[in-house]
Every structure is written in C-alpha cells, then in structure tokens.
Amino acid sequence: MNTIKKSFILTIASLCLYLSSQGQTINWATMQNTRHIGSVFGGYDYGFNYGIAYGYHLKSKLPIVIMASHAQPAGEKVFDDFKTKAGVVVRVYEVNNFQFAARVQGIFRRFENQYVTMLNFGSDLSATAGYYKPSWFVAGEFGFDKAIVTNFQHTNAFRENFPDVKDGWYQPATGGNFYYGIQTGYSFGANDITLNAGKVIQQDFRTDPTIPFYIQVGYNRRF
C-alpha cells in the first residue's frame, strides 16, 4: 500500500471515531437504592447525535454498574452510522463526598461515506474523579477511545483513484482519540439531568480532529 493511499485510509478511519457519545453519566451519591438506570442522551461531536443506554447496578463490595448504550447521528438514514458500547464502570474509591470511578467498554461501530463503509471493533477506557451529593455532582473525566481493527468495503469512487485497493480487515489502519472534560448534573427524586463537555485530541497528542470538542446532555431514570 503506497503512502498516499495509506494516509487516505487512515484519515477516513479516523472519522469512525467521531461518533463518540459518552453514554451514561452516573451520580454515585444516588446509587444506594438504585438497581436499574435507563437513559436517553443527545449531543454534538462530529455532528448531532442521540442515543439510549441502560445500566444494572450490582450490589457488590465495590459498586459496579454493567452498562450498554447505542448512539447514532441525526439524519435521514436510520442505522447507516452507529456506535454500540457495552462494559462496566466501577466506583473504586470514596472519601467523604469525593468519589473515583473507572470504566471499561467494548465498542462496535459503523461508518459510511461516498468512499468506504467501515465496521470497527474498539475499546473505551476512562476514569472520573469528582464531588458527589444526592442533589448534584461535578467531576472531571479522562478517557481513550481506541479503534482496534476495522473492516473496509471501498466504493467505486475510491477505486477510481486506487484501483488495486483491497477490501477486508485492516489492523494497522486504526487509530484512537483521547478525550477529557467535565461531567455535572442535577438529581431530583429518581431523575438525573446530566451534562458532559470536553475536548478531543488524536492519540499523537498533536492532531486535533475536525471537531475537537464534544457536548452531551442526558436524562437518567433510576429505579
């Protein structure tokens, strides 16, 4: 694969990471009597997107929430692009009202444009640390969204420029984005209104994505 072709595929592959909705945001101070969390959310990163999430709270020594989420961009075609995540978040430490949590999730996502359709498997690792009260919270978050392996199905428009391109799985052509920002929210009764906002930078710590920030508003119903 020549350098121009490889650079182009790397650029296209990086677009697959832009649908990077944060999914469920938890107020740990309200979790004592909570077993289930249903969520809806919407936000902006590469474009406007929306999604749903569900979390199941395990009653263990360390509070653990098993979670899954699905997000997709707003547009005419339903399910043409999407991002599905599943994993766990663990509240690893608590002192007074300060709490620290770690999240590990697997990712499956799809991205399509005029040049290529991509299916990608990846991971999302993150940590949060913040101050949590039953009625509100504020925390900082830092994470890494990694595209581990990507399947490319190229269109005729791409083949006009690179006729010998091969479809299939490309592990060297994957990348990752770091993200960091804040989480905050207001809790009342069995409800949470949450806000996530922050910045995204590619894994070389030098390159900004086309849209180098994210913002997301969410609603949780606890029961």
Protein backbone atom coordinates (compact mmCIF):
# COMPACT_ATOMS: atom_id res chain seq x y z
CA MET A 1 0.00 0.00 0.00
CA ASN A 2 1.59 3.29 -1.08
CA THR A 3 1.95 6.24 1.30
CA ILE A 4 -0.82 8.35 -0.26
CA LYS A 5 -3.30 5.50 -0.15
CA LYS A 6 -2.40 4.58 3.42
CA SER A 7 -2.71 8.19 4.57
CA PHE A 8 -6.11 8.48 2.94
CA ILE A 9 -7.38 5.31 4.59
CA LEU A 10 -6.04 6.46 7.96
CA THR A 11 -7.89 9.76 7.53
CA ILE A 12 -11.14 8.01 6.64
CA ALA A 13 -10.67 5.53 9.51
CA SER A 14 -10.29 8.38 11.99
CA LEU A 15 -13.80 9.56 11.05
CA CYS A 16 -15.13 6.33 12.53
CA LEU A 17 -14.08 7.62 15.96
CA TYR A 18 -16.04 10.86 15.74
CA LEU A 19 -19.33 9.33 16.82
CA SER A 20 -18.01 9.40 20.35
CA SER A 21 -21.05 9.98 22.55
CA GLN A 22 -20.19 9.47 26.19
CA GLY A 23 -23.30 7.48 27.02
CA GLN A 24 -24.48 7.08 30.59
CA THR A 25 -23.32 9.51 33.29
CA ILE A 26 -23.85 8.45 36.91
CA ASN A 27 -24.38 10.37 40.13
CA TRP A 28 -22.76 7.94 42.55
CA ALA A 29 -24.38 9.61 45.58
CA THR A 30 -27.83 8.41 44.43
CA MET A 31 -26.94 4.78 43.76
CA GLN A 32 -27.55 3.25 47.20
CA ASN A 33 -31.19 2.35 46.47
CA THR A 34 -30.86 2.08 42.69
CA ARG A 35 -30.75 -1.19 40.76
CA HIS A 36 -31.61 -0.04 37.20
CA ILE A 37 -30.76 3.11 35.22
CA GLY A 38 -32.44 3.94 31.92
CA SER A 39 -31.04 6.87 29.95
CA VAL A 40 -31.57 8.96 26.85
CA PHE A 41 -28.99 11.45 25.61
CA GLY A 42 -28.11 13.74 22.76
CA GLY A 43 -25.12 15.84 21.85
CA TYR A 44 -22.66 17.16 19.34
CA ASP A 45 -19.18 15.95 18.40
CA TYR A 46 -18.63 15.39 14.66
CA GLY A 47 -22.34 16.10 14.23
CA PHE A 48 -25.58 15.94 16.17
CA ASN A 49 -26.26 12.51 17.63
CA TYR A 50 -28.60 10.84 20.07
CA GLY A 51 -28.85 7.55 21.90
CA ILE A 52 -30.17 5.35 24.68
CA ALA A 53 -28.42 3.49 27.49
CA TYR A 54 -29.16 1.02 30.27
CA GLY A 55 -27.24 0.23 33.43
CA TYR A 56 -27.64 -2.54 36.01
CA HIS A 57 -26.22 -1.87 39.47
CA LEU A 58 -24.62 -4.90 41.11
CA LYS A 59 -24.82 -4.96 44.90
CA SER A 60 -21.17 -5.75 45.50
CA LYS A 61 -18.47 -4.52 47.87
CA LEU A 62 -17.28 -2.11 45.21
CA PRO A 63 -20.28 -0.53 43.43
CA ILE A 64 -20.33 -1.88 39.86
CA VAL A 65 -22.69 -0.90 37.04
CA ILE A 66 -22.97 -3.12 33.95
CA MET A 67 -23.92 -0.83 31.08
CA ALA A 68 -24.77 -0.81 27.40
CA SER A 69 -25.52 2.09 25.06
CA HIS A 70 -26.39 2.76 21.44
CA ALA A 71 -25.82 6.09 19.65
CA GLN A 72 -26.25 7.30 16.11
CA PRO A 73 -26.12 10.62 14.26
CA ALA A 74 -29.26 12.55 13.39
CA GLY A 75 -30.06 12.15 9.69
CA GLU A 76 -32.39 10.74 7.08
CA LYS A 77 -30.87 7.24 7.04
CA VAL A 78 -31.52 5.28 10.22
CA PHE A 79 -28.70 2.96 11.34
CA ASP A 80 -26.37 3.95 8.48
CA ASP A 81 -23.84 5.05 11.12
CA PHE A 82 -23.96 3.97 14.74
CA LYS A 83 -21.89 3.22 17.82
CA THR A 84 -22.76 0.48 20.34
CA LYS A 85 -20.87 0.08 23.61
CA ALA A 86 -21.06 -2.44 26.46
CA GLY A 87 -18.96 -2.83 29.58
CA VAL A 88 -18.67 -1.96 33.26
CA VAL A 89 -18.00 1.07 35.42
CA VAL A 90 -16.63 0.57 38.94
CA ARG A 91 -16.63 3.11 41.77
CA VAL A 92 -13.14 2.26 43.02
CA TYR A 93 -12.67 4.72 45.89
CA GLU A 94 -14.67 7.07 48.10
CA VAL A 95 -13.61 9.59 50.73
CA ASN A 96 -16.25 11.88 52.17
CA ASN A 97 -18.12 13.14 49.09
CA PHE A 98 -15.22 12.64 46.69
CA GLN A 99 -15.54 9.54 44.54
CA PHE A 100 -13.37 7.94 41.87
CA ALA A 101 -14.54 5.54 39.16
CA ALA A 102 -13.07 3.60 36.23
CA ARG A 103 -14.89 2.43 33.10
CA VAL A 104 -14.01 -0.30 30.57
CA GLN A 105 -16.17 -0.81 27.48
CA GLY A 106 -16.03 -2.63 24.18
CA ILE A 107 -17.24 -0.82 21.05
CA PHE A 108 -18.79 -1.86 17.77
CA ARG A 109 -19.48 0.92 15.24
CA ARG A 110 -20.32 1.55 11.63
CA PHE A 111 -19.42 4.50 9.40
CA GLU A 112 -20.29 5.08 5.75
CA ASN A 113 -19.46 7.82 3.23
CA GLN A 114 -19.01 8.10 -0.53
CA TYR A 115 -15.64 6.31 -0.41
CA VAL A 116 -15.98 3.47 2.07
CA THR A 117 -18.15 1.57 4.53
CA MET A 118 -16.36 0.66 7.75
CA LEU A 119 -17.17 -1.73 10.57
CA ASN A 120 -14.97 -1.28 13.59
CA PHE A 121 -14.27 -3.04 16.87
CA GLY A 122 -12.61 -0.96 19.56
CA SER A 123 -12.42 -0.08 23.24
CA ASP A 124 -13.17 2.86 25.50
CA LEU A 125 -11.23 3.23 28.76
CA SER A 126 -11.89 6.16 31.08
CA ALA A 127 -11.65 7.45 34.64
CA THR A 128 -13.65 10.04 36.56
CA ALA A 129 -13.00 11.84 39.82
CA GLY A 130 -15.39 14.28 41.40
CA TYR A 131 -17.56 15.61 44.19
CA TYR A 132 -20.96 13.91 44.52
CA LYS A 133 -24.01 14.95 46.55
CA PRO A 134 -27.54 13.46 46.41
CA SER A 135 -28.85 16.51 44.53
CA TRP A 136 -25.85 17.44 42.33
CA PHE A 137 -22.34 16.45 41.28
CA VAL A 138 -19.36 17.69 39.31
CA ALA A 139 -16.43 15.55 38.12
CA GLY A 140 -13.54 15.51 35.71
CA GLU A 141 -13.19 12.74 33.14
CA PHE A 142 -10.32 11.45 31.04
CA GLY A 143 -10.54 8.63 28.53
CA PHE A 144 -9.16 6.91 25.45
CA ASP A 145 -11.33 5.69 22.56
CA LYS A 146 -9.34 3.16 20.51
CA ALA A 147 -10.24 1.66 17.12
CA ILE A 148 -8.54 -1.74 17.28
CA VAL A 149 -9.49 -3.37 13.98
CA THR A 150 -11.57 -2.05 11.06
CA ASN A 151 -13.22 -3.71 8.07
CA PHE A 152 -13.16 -1.60 4.87
CA GLN A 153 -15.55 -2.05 1.93
CA HIS A 154 -14.49 0.53 -0.65
CA THR A 155 -16.80 2.16 -3.20
CA ASN A 156 -16.25 2.60 -6.92
CA ALA A 157 -15.46 6.28 -6.30
CA PHE A 158 -12.48 5.22 -4.20
CA ARG A 159 -11.38 2.57 -6.68
CA GLU A 160 -11.23 5.15 -9.48
CA ASN A 161 -8.21 6.65 -7.68
CA PHE A 162 -6.84 3.46 -6.10
CA PRO A 163 -7.94 0.54 -8.34
CA ASP A 164 -5.83 -2.08 -6.55
CA VAL A 165 -7.19 -1.33 -3.06
CA LYS A 166 -8.18 -4.42 -1.07
CA ASP A 167 -11.34 -4.78 0.96
CA GLY A 168 -11.21 -6.51 4.33
CA TRP A 169 -9.84 -6.09 7.83
CA TYR A 170 -7.06 -3.55 8.47
CA GLN A 171 -5.45 -3.56 11.86
CA PRO A 172 -2.56 -1.15 11.08
CA ALA A 173 -5.04 1.43 9.76
CA THR A 174 -6.75 2.02 13.11
CA GLY A 175 -6.28 4.92 15.50
CA GLY A 176 -7.50 6.44 18.71
CA ASN A 177 -8.66 9.64 20.37
CA PHE A 178 -8.05 10.91 23.88
CA TYR A 179 -10.84 12.95 25.44
CA TYR A 180 -11.02 14.98 28.62
CA GLY A 181 -13.61 17.26 30.15
CA ILE A 182 -16.23 17.64 32.86
CA GLN A 183 -19.35 15.83 33.98
CA THR A 184 -22.01 17.58 36.02
CA GLY A 185 -25.63 17.04 36.84
CA TYR A 186 -28.69 17.79 38.93
CA SER A 187 -30.61 14.99 40.67
CA PHE A 188 -34.19 15.10 41.96
CA GLY A 189 -36.33 12.18 43.05
CA ALA A 190 -35.42 9.26 40.79
CA ASN A 191 -34.20 11.54 37.99
CA ASP A 192 -30.88 12.96 36.83
CA ILE A 193 -30.22 15.70 34.30
CA THR A 194 -26.59 15.45 33.17
CA LEU A 195 -24.11 17.42 31.08
CA ASN A 196 -20.78 16.28 29.61
CA ALA A 197 -18.45 18.65 27.79
CA GLY A 198 -14.79 18.50 26.83
CA LYS A 199 -12.07 18.30 24.23
CA VAL A 200 -10.83 15.54 21.91
CA ILE A 201 -7.29 15.06 20.60
CA GLN A 202 -5.86 12.26 18.49
CA GLN A 203 -3.51 9.75 20.07
CA ASP A 204 -0.37 11.51 18.78
CA PHE A 205 -1.23 14.41 21.17
CA ARG A 206 -0.62 16.84 18.30
CA THR A 207 -3.52 16.47 15.87
CA ASP A 208 -6.99 17.86 16.55
CA PRO A 209 -9.97 16.14 14.93
CA THR A 210 -12.11 18.23 12.58
CA ILE A 211 -14.43 18.98 15.52
CA PRO A 212 -12.12 18.99 18.58
CA PHE A 213 -14.81 19.13 21.27
CA TYR A 214 -17.90 17.29 22.47
CA ILE A 215 -21.00 18.21 24.43
CA GLN A 216 -23.80 15.94 25.59
CA VAL A 217 -27.00 16.38 27.60
CA GLY A 218 -28.63 13.35 29.18
CA TYR A 219 -31.58 12.22 31.28
CA ASN A 220 -31.45 9.24 33.66
CA ARG A 221 -34.38 7.48 35.28
CA ARG A 222 -33.39 5.39 38.28
CA PHE A 223 -35.50 2.54 39.66
